[in-house]
Amino acid sequence: QVQLVESGGGLVQTGGSLRLSCAASGSIFSINAMGWYRQAPGKQRELVADIILGGSTNYTDSVKGRFTISRDNAKNTVYLQLNSLKPEDTAVYYCHIHTTPWGFEYWGQGTQVTVSS
């Protein structure tokens, strides 16, 4: 069994900051990619950012320059620093990992981020 435990969501005002964390545990051989997705009410889930084992990162355009993804491989943990938050960033944020060698993927339970105007 693999578990992803997320933390760090909450309510902030426009321009504020939050830091999300996601710790993976269980029967994990190796984690290739770790990432964060988000889903706002009435919208499809979208990729926010991801980071692969070598450290390369990828961000959706709307968060570039404001969000930073990082990972601690020793702790199987991924972080997302959210700065300069906007009301349109309001969503449930989900952690996602892609493991090797069998390619299994896992999702966290989601953490709510609400940005008030």
C-alpha atoms as a PDB file:
ATOM      1  CA  GLN A   1       0.000   0.000   0.000  1.00  0.00           C
ATOM      2  CA  VAL A   2       1.119   3.509  -0.814  1.00  0.00           C
ATOM      3  CA  GLN A   3      -0.161   6.567   0.997  1.00  0.00           C
ATOM      4  CA  LEU A   4       0.199  10.229   0.142  1.00  0.00           C
ATOM      5  CA  VAL A   5      -0.428  12.610   3.012  1.00  0.00           C
ATOM      6  CA  GLU A   6      -0.892  16.242   2.107  1.00  0.00           C
ATOM      7  CA  SER A   7      -0.810  19.276   4.338  1.00  0.00           C
ATOM      8  CA  GLY A   8      -0.562  23.040   4.175  1.00  0.00           C
ATOM      9  CA  GLY A   9      -3.767  24.199   2.551  1.00  0.00           C
ATOM     10  CA  GLY A  10      -5.880  26.964   3.979  1.00  0.00           C
ATOM     11  CA  LEU A  11      -7.481  30.365   3.533  1.00  0.00           C
ATOM     12  CA  VAL A  12      -5.351  33.353   2.593  1.00  0.00           C
ATOM     13  CA  GLN A  13      -5.892  36.807   1.204  1.00  0.00           C
ATOM     14  CA  THR A  14      -4.872  37.882  -2.279  1.00  0.00           C
ATOM     15  CA  GLY A  15      -1.122  38.257  -2.402  1.00  0.00           C
ATOM     16  CA  GLY A  16      -0.542  35.826   0.421  1.00  0.00           C
ATOM     17  CA  SER A  17       1.514  32.659   0.519  1.00  0.00           C
ATOM     18  CA  LEU A  18       1.087  29.018   1.421  1.00  0.00           C
ATOM     19  CA  ARG A  19       3.336  25.985   1.392  1.00  0.00           C
ATOM     20  CA  LEU A  20       1.913  22.595   0.531  1.00  0.00           C
ATOM     21  CA  SER A  21       3.619  19.351   1.472  1.00  0.00           C
ATOM     22  CA  CYS A  22       2.988  15.792   0.379  1.00  0.00           C
ATOM     23  CA  ALA A  23       4.744  12.829   1.952  1.00  0.00           C
ATOM     24  CA  ALA A  24       4.630   9.433   0.279  1.00  0.00           C
ATOM     25  CA  SER A  25       5.005   6.244   2.260  1.00  0.00           C
ATOM     26  CA  GLY A  26       4.554   2.531   1.803  1.00  0.00           C
ATOM     27  CA  SER A  27       5.733   0.069  -0.817  1.00  0.00           C
ATOM     28  CA  ILE A  28       7.600   2.459  -3.066  1.00  0.00           C
ATOM     29  CA  PHE A  29      10.625   1.323  -5.007  1.00  0.00           C
ATOM     30  CA  SER A  30      11.437   4.629  -6.656  1.00  0.00           C
ATOM     31  CA  ILE A  31       9.514   7.789  -7.475  1.00  0.00           C
ATOM     32  CA  ASN A  32      10.170   9.220 -10.906  1.00  0.00           C
ATOM     33  CA  ALA A  33       7.873  12.223 -11.052  1.00  0.00           C
ATOM     34  CA  MET A  34       6.115  14.095  -8.286  1.00  0.00           C
ATOM     35  CA  GLY A  35       3.607  16.800  -8.942  1.00  0.00           C
ATOM     36  CA  TRP A  36       0.671  18.909  -7.951  1.00  0.00           C
ATOM     37  CA  TYR A  37      -2.647  19.188  -9.730  1.00  0.00           C
ATOM     38  CA  ARG A  38      -5.609  21.343  -8.865  1.00  0.00           C
ATOM     39  CA  GLN A  39      -9.317  21.286  -9.499  1.00  0.00           C
ATOM     40  CA  ALA A  40     -11.555  24.293  -9.116  1.00  0.00           C
ATOM     41  CA  PRO A  41     -15.351  23.948  -8.855  1.00  0.00           C
ATOM     42  CA  GLY A  42     -16.850  23.176 -12.237  1.00  0.00           C
ATOM     43  CA  LYS A  43     -13.479  22.780 -13.900  1.00  0.00           C
ATOM     44  CA  GLN A  44     -11.299  19.886 -14.917  1.00  0.00           C
ATOM     45  CA  ARG A  45      -8.286  18.861 -12.901  1.00  0.00           C
ATOM     46  CA  GLU A  46      -5.158  20.509 -14.274  1.00  0.00           C
ATOM     47  CA  LEU A  47      -1.443  20.078 -13.771  1.00  0.00           C
ATOM     48  CA  VAL A  48       0.061  22.892 -11.713  1.00  0.00           C
ATOM     49  CA  ALA A  49       3.684  21.767 -11.544  1.00  0.00           C
ATOM     50  CA  ASP A  50       5.778  18.654 -11.532  1.00  0.00           C
ATOM     51  CA  ILE A  51       9.371  17.682 -10.852  1.00  0.00           C
ATOM     52  CA  ILE A  52      11.213  14.614 -12.028  1.00  0.00           C
ATOM     53  CA  LEU A  53      13.880  12.633 -10.225  1.00  0.00           C
ATOM     54  CA  GLY A  54      16.708  14.597 -11.855  1.00  0.00           C
ATOM     55  CA  GLY A  55      15.243  17.875 -10.643  1.00  0.00           C
ATOM     56  CA  SER A  56      13.779  19.269 -13.848  1.00  0.00           C
ATOM     57  CA  THR A  57      10.566  21.158 -13.263  1.00  0.00           C
ATOM     58  CA  ASN A  58       7.526  22.046 -15.285  1.00  0.00           C
ATOM     59  CA  TYR A  59       4.870  24.666 -14.509  1.00  0.00           C
ATOM     60  CA  THR A  60       1.587  25.622 -16.041  1.00  0.00           C
ATOM     61  CA  ASP A  61       1.815  29.135 -17.457  1.00  0.00           C
ATOM     62  CA  SER A  62      -0.562  30.732 -14.985  1.00  0.00           C
ATOM     63  CA  VAL A  63       1.690  29.962 -11.994  1.00  0.00           C
ATOM     64  CA  LYS A  64       5.133  30.572 -13.480  1.00  0.00           C
ATOM     65  CA  GLY A  65       7.083  33.016 -11.357  1.00  0.00           C
ATOM     66  CA  ARG A  66       4.715  32.615  -8.411  1.00  0.00           C
ATOM     67  CA  PHE A  67       4.829  28.928  -7.462  1.00  0.00           C
ATOM     68  CA  THR A  68       7.886  26.795  -6.798  1.00  0.00           C
ATOM     69  CA  ILE A  69       7.956  23.016  -6.657  1.00  0.00           C
ATOM     70  CA  SER A  70      10.691  21.082  -4.891  1.00  0.00           C
ATOM     71  CA  ARG A  71      11.264  17.597  -3.562  1.00  0.00           C
ATOM     72  CA  ASP A  72      13.206  15.806  -0.866  1.00  0.00           C
ATOM     73  CA  ASN A  73      14.034  12.394  -2.266  1.00  0.00           C
ATOM     74  CA  ALA A  74      15.265  11.058   1.058  1.00  0.00           C
ATOM     75  CA  LYS A  75      11.849  11.781   2.566  1.00  0.00           C
ATOM     76  CA  ASN A  76       9.757  10.975  -0.543  1.00  0.00           C
ATOM     77  CA  THR A  77       8.220  14.392  -0.078  1.00  0.00           C
ATOM     78  CA  VAL A  78       7.218  17.054  -2.557  1.00  0.00           C
ATOM     79  CA  TYR A  79       6.540  20.672  -1.729  1.00  0.00           C
ATOM     80  CA  LEU A  80       4.746  23.484  -3.486  1.00  0.00           C
ATOM     81  CA  GLN A  81       5.437  27.046  -2.417  1.00  0.00           C
ATOM     82  CA  LEU A  82       2.580  29.285  -3.488  1.00  0.00           C
ATOM     83  CA  ASN A  83       3.336  33.015  -3.514  1.00  0.00           C
ATOM     84  CA  SER A  84       1.415  36.032  -4.772  1.00  0.00           C
ATOM     85  CA  LEU A  85      -1.785  34.052  -4.595  1.00  0.00           C
ATOM     86  CA  LYS A  86      -4.786  35.148  -6.600  1.00  0.00           C
ATOM     87  CA  PRO A  87      -8.480  34.297  -6.212  1.00  0.00           C
ATOM     88  CA  GLU A  88      -8.244  32.205  -9.383  1.00  0.00           C
ATOM     89  CA  ASP A  89      -5.787  29.920  -7.591  1.00  0.00           C
ATOM     90  CA  THR A  90      -8.634  28.745  -5.370  1.00  0.00           C
ATOM     91  CA  ALA A  91      -9.001  25.000  -5.820  1.00  0.00           C
ATOM     92  CA  VAL A  92      -8.428  21.631  -4.266  1.00  0.00           C
ATOM     93  CA  TYR A  93      -4.773  20.770  -4.760  1.00  0.00           C
ATOM     94  CA  TYR A  94      -3.844  17.125  -5.272  1.00  0.00           C
ATOM     95  CA  CYS A  95      -0.449  15.522  -4.943  1.00  0.00           C
ATOM     96  CA  HIS A  96       0.491  12.956  -7.579  1.00  0.00           C
ATOM     97  CA  ILE A  97       3.421  10.583  -7.942  1.00  0.00           C
ATOM     98  CA  HIS A  98       4.600   8.317 -10.740  1.00  0.00           C
ATOM     99  CA  THR A  99       6.687   5.390  -9.600  1.00  0.00           C
ATOM    100  CA  THR A 100       9.121   3.046 -11.244  1.00  0.00           C
ATOM    101  CA  PRO A 101       9.750   0.379 -12.418  1.00  0.00           C
ATOM    102  CA  TRP A 102       6.118  -0.602 -12.956  1.00  0.00           C
ATOM    103  CA  GLY A 103       4.691   2.850 -13.636  1.00  0.00           C
ATOM    104  CA  PHE A 104       2.111   2.889 -10.863  1.00  0.00           C
ATOM    105  CA  GLU A 105       0.580   6.256 -10.093  1.00  0.00           C
ATOM    106  CA  TYR A 106      -0.922   7.493  -6.844  1.00  0.00           C
ATOM    107  CA  TRP A 107      -2.967  10.471  -5.721  1.00  0.00           C
ATOM    108  CA  GLY A 108      -3.293  12.313  -2.459  1.00  0.00           C
ATOM    109  CA  GLN A 109      -6.638  13.074  -0.873  1.00  0.00           C
ATOM    110  CA  GLY A 110      -6.508  16.750  -1.776  1.00  0.00           C
ATOM    111  CA  THR A 111      -6.062  19.905   0.243  1.00  0.00           C
ATOM    112  CA  GLN A 112      -8.192  23.015  -0.141  1.00  0.00           C
ATOM    113  CA  VAL A 113      -6.586  26.325  -1.029  1.00  0.00           C
ATOM    114  CA  THR A 114      -8.884  29.338  -0.857  1.00  0.00           C
ATOM    115  CA  VAL A 115      -7.753  32.829  -1.804  1.00  0.00           C
ATOM    116  CA  SER A 116     -10.038  35.657  -0.795  1.00  0.00           C
ATOM    117  CA  SER A 117     -10.209  38.918  -2.734  1.00  0.00           C
END
